[in-house]
């Protein structure tokens, strides 16, 4: 997703591994719960849902973006 402004992406409960920014792979992927999505840029991450089942949210930490609906509920089930 390309965006005209930055977004401070945050995911609750489950960390993610940041593996690329603007299509450039990181030499050392890092685990985060928050990342800045660059203006007109993108991030690529992967996540493993091992220790938690249930609902949690991911959202933009910029309050005006959050209020405009940049929030998602995710539900994790056991397999």
N, C-alpha and C. Protein backbone atom coordinates (compact mmCIF):
# COMPACT_ATOMS: atom_id res chain seq x y z
N UNK A 1 0.84 -1.17 0.00
CA UNK A 1 0.00 0.00 0.00
C UNK A 1 0.89 1.24 0.00
N UNK A 2 0.64 2.14 -0.91
CA UNK A 2 1.36 3.41 -0.94
C UNK A 2 0.47 4.47 -0.32
N UNK A 3 1.05 5.35 0.47
CA UNK A 3 0.26 6.33 1.20
C UNK A 3 0.89 7.72 1.06
N UNK A 4 0.08 8.78 0.91
CA UNK A 4 0.64 10.12 0.74
C UNK A 4 1.19 10.73 2.03
N UNK A 5 0.97 10.09 3.15
CA UNK A 5 1.46 10.59 4.44
C UNK A 5 2.04 9.42 5.23
N UNK A 6 2.77 9.70 6.29
CA UNK A 6 3.29 8.59 7.10
C UNK A 6 2.16 8.00 7.93
N UNK A 7 2.33 6.77 8.33
CA UNK A 7 1.42 6.10 9.26
C UNK A 7 2.28 5.39 10.28
N UNK A 8 1.91 5.51 11.53
CA UNK A 8 2.60 4.80 12.60
C UNK A 8 1.77 3.57 12.91
N UNK A 9 2.12 2.47 12.25
CA UNK A 9 1.36 1.22 12.34
C UNK A 9 1.71 0.50 13.63
N UNK A 10 0.67 0.09 14.36
CA UNK A 10 0.86 -0.61 15.63
C UNK A 10 -0.08 -1.81 15.69
N UNK A 11 0.46 -2.93 16.16
CA UNK A 11 -0.35 -4.12 16.33
C UNK A 11 -0.31 -4.53 17.81
N UNK A 12 -1.46 -4.83 18.38
CA UNK A 12 -1.55 -5.23 19.78
C UNK A 12 -1.30 -6.74 19.90
N UNK A 13 -0.85 -7.17 21.05
CA UNK A 13 -0.69 -8.57 21.45
C UNK A 13 0.48 -9.28 20.77
N UNK A 14 0.56 -9.25 19.45
CA UNK A 14 1.47 -10.11 18.71
C UNK A 14 2.48 -9.28 17.92
N UNK A 15 3.76 -9.43 18.21
CA UNK A 15 4.80 -8.72 17.46
C UNK A 15 4.89 -9.23 16.02
N UNK A 16 5.49 -8.42 15.16
CA UNK A 16 5.72 -8.82 13.78
C UNK A 16 7.19 -8.62 13.45
N UNK A 17 7.66 -9.34 12.45
CA UNK A 17 9.04 -9.22 12.02
C UNK A 17 9.08 -8.35 10.76
N UNK A 18 9.69 -7.18 10.90
CA UNK A 18 9.84 -6.26 9.78
C UNK A 18 10.93 -6.80 8.87
N UNK A 19 10.58 -7.05 7.59
CA UNK A 19 11.56 -7.65 6.69
C UNK A 19 11.94 -6.75 5.52
N UNK A 20 11.14 -5.71 5.22
CA UNK A 20 11.48 -4.80 4.12
C UNK A 20 10.80 -3.45 4.31
N UNK A 21 11.46 -2.40 3.83
CA UNK A 21 10.91 -1.05 3.81
C UNK A 21 11.06 -0.54 2.39
N UNK A 22 9.95 -0.08 1.81
CA UNK A 22 9.93 0.39 0.42
C UNK A 22 10.51 -0.65 -0.54
N UNK A 23 10.23 -1.91 -0.28
CA UNK A 23 10.68 -2.99 -1.15
C UNK A 23 12.12 -3.41 -0.97
N UNK A 24 12.85 -2.72 -0.11
CA UNK A 24 14.25 -3.06 0.14
C UNK A 24 14.33 -3.98 1.36
N UNK A 25 14.80 -5.20 1.15
CA UNK A 25 14.89 -6.15 2.26
C UNK A 25 15.91 -5.67 3.29
N UNK A 26 15.57 -5.85 4.57
CA UNK A 26 16.50 -5.53 5.64
C UNK A 26 17.54 -6.64 5.75
N UNK A 27 18.80 -6.29 5.98
CA UNK A 27 19.82 -7.32 6.14
C UNK A 27 19.61 -8.09 7.44
N UNK A 28 19.10 -7.41 8.45
CA UNK A 28 18.78 -8.04 9.73
C UNK A 28 17.34 -7.71 10.09
N UNK A 29 16.38 -8.58 9.72
CA UNK A 29 14.98 -8.32 10.08
C UNK A 29 14.84 -8.12 11.59
N UNK A 30 13.93 -7.24 11.99
CA UNK A 30 13.75 -6.91 13.40
C UNK A 30 12.31 -7.16 13.82
N UNK A 31 12.14 -7.55 15.08
CA UNK A 31 10.80 -7.77 15.66
C UNK A 31 10.31 -6.47 16.25
N UNK A 32 9.07 -6.11 15.95
CA UNK A 32 8.48 -4.85 16.40
C UNK A 32 7.01 -5.06 16.74
N UNK A 33 6.45 -4.06 17.42
CA UNK A 33 5.00 -3.98 17.55
C UNK A 33 4.50 -2.68 16.92
N UNK A 34 5.45 -1.82 16.52
CA UNK A 34 5.13 -0.53 15.90
C UNK A 34 6.17 -0.23 14.84
N UNK A 35 5.73 0.33 13.72
CA UNK A 35 6.67 0.72 12.66
C UNK A 35 6.10 1.95 11.94
N UNK A 36 6.97 2.83 11.49
CA UNK A 36 6.55 3.99 10.69
C UNK A 36 6.52 3.57 9.23
N UNK A 37 5.35 3.67 8.62
CA UNK A 37 5.22 3.42 7.19
C UNK A 37 5.58 4.74 6.50
N UNK A 38 6.63 4.76 5.68
CA UNK A 38 7.09 6.00 5.07
C UNK A 38 6.04 6.64 4.15
N UNK A 39 6.16 7.94 4.01
CA UNK A 39 5.29 8.69 3.10
C UNK A 39 5.47 8.13 1.69
N UNK A 40 4.37 7.80 1.05
CA UNK A 40 4.35 7.18 -0.27
C UNK A 40 5.22 5.93 -0.32
N UNK A 41 5.27 5.21 0.81
CA UNK A 41 6.11 4.02 0.90
C UNK A 41 5.33 2.82 1.38
N UNK A 42 6.08 1.79 1.72
CA UNK A 42 5.46 0.55 2.19
C UNK A 42 6.41 -0.18 3.13
N UNK A 43 5.83 -1.07 3.91
CA UNK A 43 6.61 -1.98 4.74
C UNK A 43 6.10 -3.39 4.48
N UNK A 44 6.99 -4.35 4.66
CA UNK A 44 6.62 -5.76 4.54
C UNK A 44 7.01 -6.43 5.85
N UNK A 45 6.05 -7.16 6.42
CA UNK A 45 6.35 -7.85 7.67
C UNK A 45 5.67 -9.21 7.67
N UNK A 46 6.13 -10.06 8.58
CA UNK A 46 5.48 -11.35 8.78
C UNK A 46 5.23 -11.53 10.27
N UNK A 47 4.20 -12.30 10.55
CA UNK A 47 3.78 -12.48 11.93
C UNK A 47 3.42 -13.93 12.17
N UNK A 48 3.70 -14.40 13.37
CA UNK A 48 3.33 -15.76 13.75
C UNK A 48 2.39 -15.67 14.95
N UNK A 49 1.30 -16.37 14.87
CA UNK A 49 0.30 -16.34 15.94
C UNK A 49 0.40 -17.63 16.73
N UNK A 50 1.33 -17.65 17.70
CA UNK A 50 1.61 -18.87 18.45
C UNK A 50 1.09 -18.85 19.88
N UNK A 51 1.12 -17.70 20.53
CA UNK A 51 0.87 -17.63 21.97
C UNK A 51 -0.46 -17.02 22.35
N UNK A 52 -1.28 -16.66 21.38
CA UNK A 52 -2.51 -15.94 21.70
C UNK A 52 -3.62 -16.34 20.75
N UNK A 53 -4.80 -16.58 21.30
CA UNK A 53 -6.00 -16.73 20.49
C UNK A 53 -7.00 -15.72 21.01
N UNK A 54 -7.83 -15.23 20.13
CA UNK A 54 -8.81 -14.23 20.50
C UNK A 54 -8.70 -13.01 19.61
N UNK A 55 -9.33 -11.92 20.05
CA UNK A 55 -9.37 -10.68 19.26
C UNK A 55 -8.35 -9.66 19.75
N UNK A 56 -7.81 -8.91 18.80
CA UNK A 56 -6.95 -7.78 19.10
C UNK A 56 -7.05 -6.79 17.95
N UNK A 57 -6.45 -5.63 18.11
CA UNK A 57 -6.55 -4.61 17.06
C UNK A 57 -5.18 -4.27 16.50
N UNK A 58 -5.19 -3.80 15.26
CA UNK A 58 -4.04 -3.15 14.66
C UNK A 58 -4.55 -1.83 14.12
N UNK A 59 -3.70 -0.80 14.19
CA UNK A 59 -4.19 0.53 13.83
C UNK A 59 -3.04 1.49 13.59
N UNK A 60 -3.39 2.65 13.04
CA UNK A 60 -2.45 3.75 12.91
C UNK A 60 -2.45 4.52 14.22
N UNK A 61 -1.30 4.85 14.74
CA UNK A 61 -1.19 5.56 16.01
C UNK A 61 -1.44 7.06 15.89
N UNK A 62 -1.61 7.56 14.68
CA UNK A 62 -1.92 8.97 14.52
C UNK A 62 -3.42 9.12 14.76
N UNK A 63 -3.79 9.86 15.80
CA UNK A 63 -5.18 9.90 16.26
C UNK A 63 -6.16 10.29 15.16
N UNK A 64 -5.81 11.27 14.34
CA UNK A 64 -6.75 11.66 13.29
C UNK A 64 -6.95 10.54 12.27
N UNK A 65 -5.93 9.74 12.02
CA UNK A 65 -6.08 8.60 11.11
C UNK A 65 -6.93 7.52 11.76
N UNK A 66 -6.68 7.28 13.04
CA UNK A 66 -7.45 6.28 13.79
C UNK A 66 -8.93 6.63 13.76
N UNK A 67 -9.23 7.90 13.99
CA UNK A 67 -10.63 8.35 14.01
C UNK A 67 -11.28 8.27 12.64
N UNK A 68 -10.47 8.26 11.58
CA UNK A 68 -11.00 8.12 10.22
C UNK A 68 -11.17 6.66 9.81
N UNK A 69 -10.89 5.75 10.74
CA UNK A 69 -11.16 4.34 10.48
C UNK A 69 -9.95 3.47 10.22
N UNK A 70 -8.75 3.99 10.42
CA UNK A 70 -7.56 3.17 10.18
C UNK A 70 -7.30 2.27 11.38
N UNK A 71 -8.25 1.37 11.61
CA UNK A 71 -8.17 0.41 12.70
C UNK A 71 -8.84 -0.86 12.24
N UNK A 72 -8.29 -2.00 12.59
CA UNK A 72 -8.82 -3.29 12.18
C UNK A 72 -8.84 -4.23 13.37
N UNK A 73 -9.90 -4.99 13.51
CA UNK A 73 -9.96 -6.04 14.52
C UNK A 73 -9.55 -7.35 13.85
N UNK A 74 -8.67 -8.09 14.52
CA UNK A 74 -8.20 -9.39 14.02
C UNK A 74 -8.59 -10.44 15.05
N UNK A 75 -9.03 -11.58 14.58
CA UNK A 75 -9.34 -12.67 15.49
C UNK A 75 -8.52 -13.90 15.10
N UNK A 76 -7.83 -14.46 16.08
CA UNK A 76 -6.98 -15.62 15.88
C UNK A 76 -7.66 -16.83 16.53
N UNK A 77 -7.76 -17.91 15.75
CA UNK A 77 -8.36 -19.15 16.23
C UNK A 77 -7.30 -20.24 16.37
N UNK A 78 -7.56 -21.22 17.20
CA UNK A 78 -6.67 -22.38 17.27
C UNK A 78 -6.99 -23.28 16.07
N UNK A 79 -5.97 -23.95 15.57
CA UNK A 79 -6.17 -24.82 14.37
C UNK A 79 -6.67 -26.18 14.77
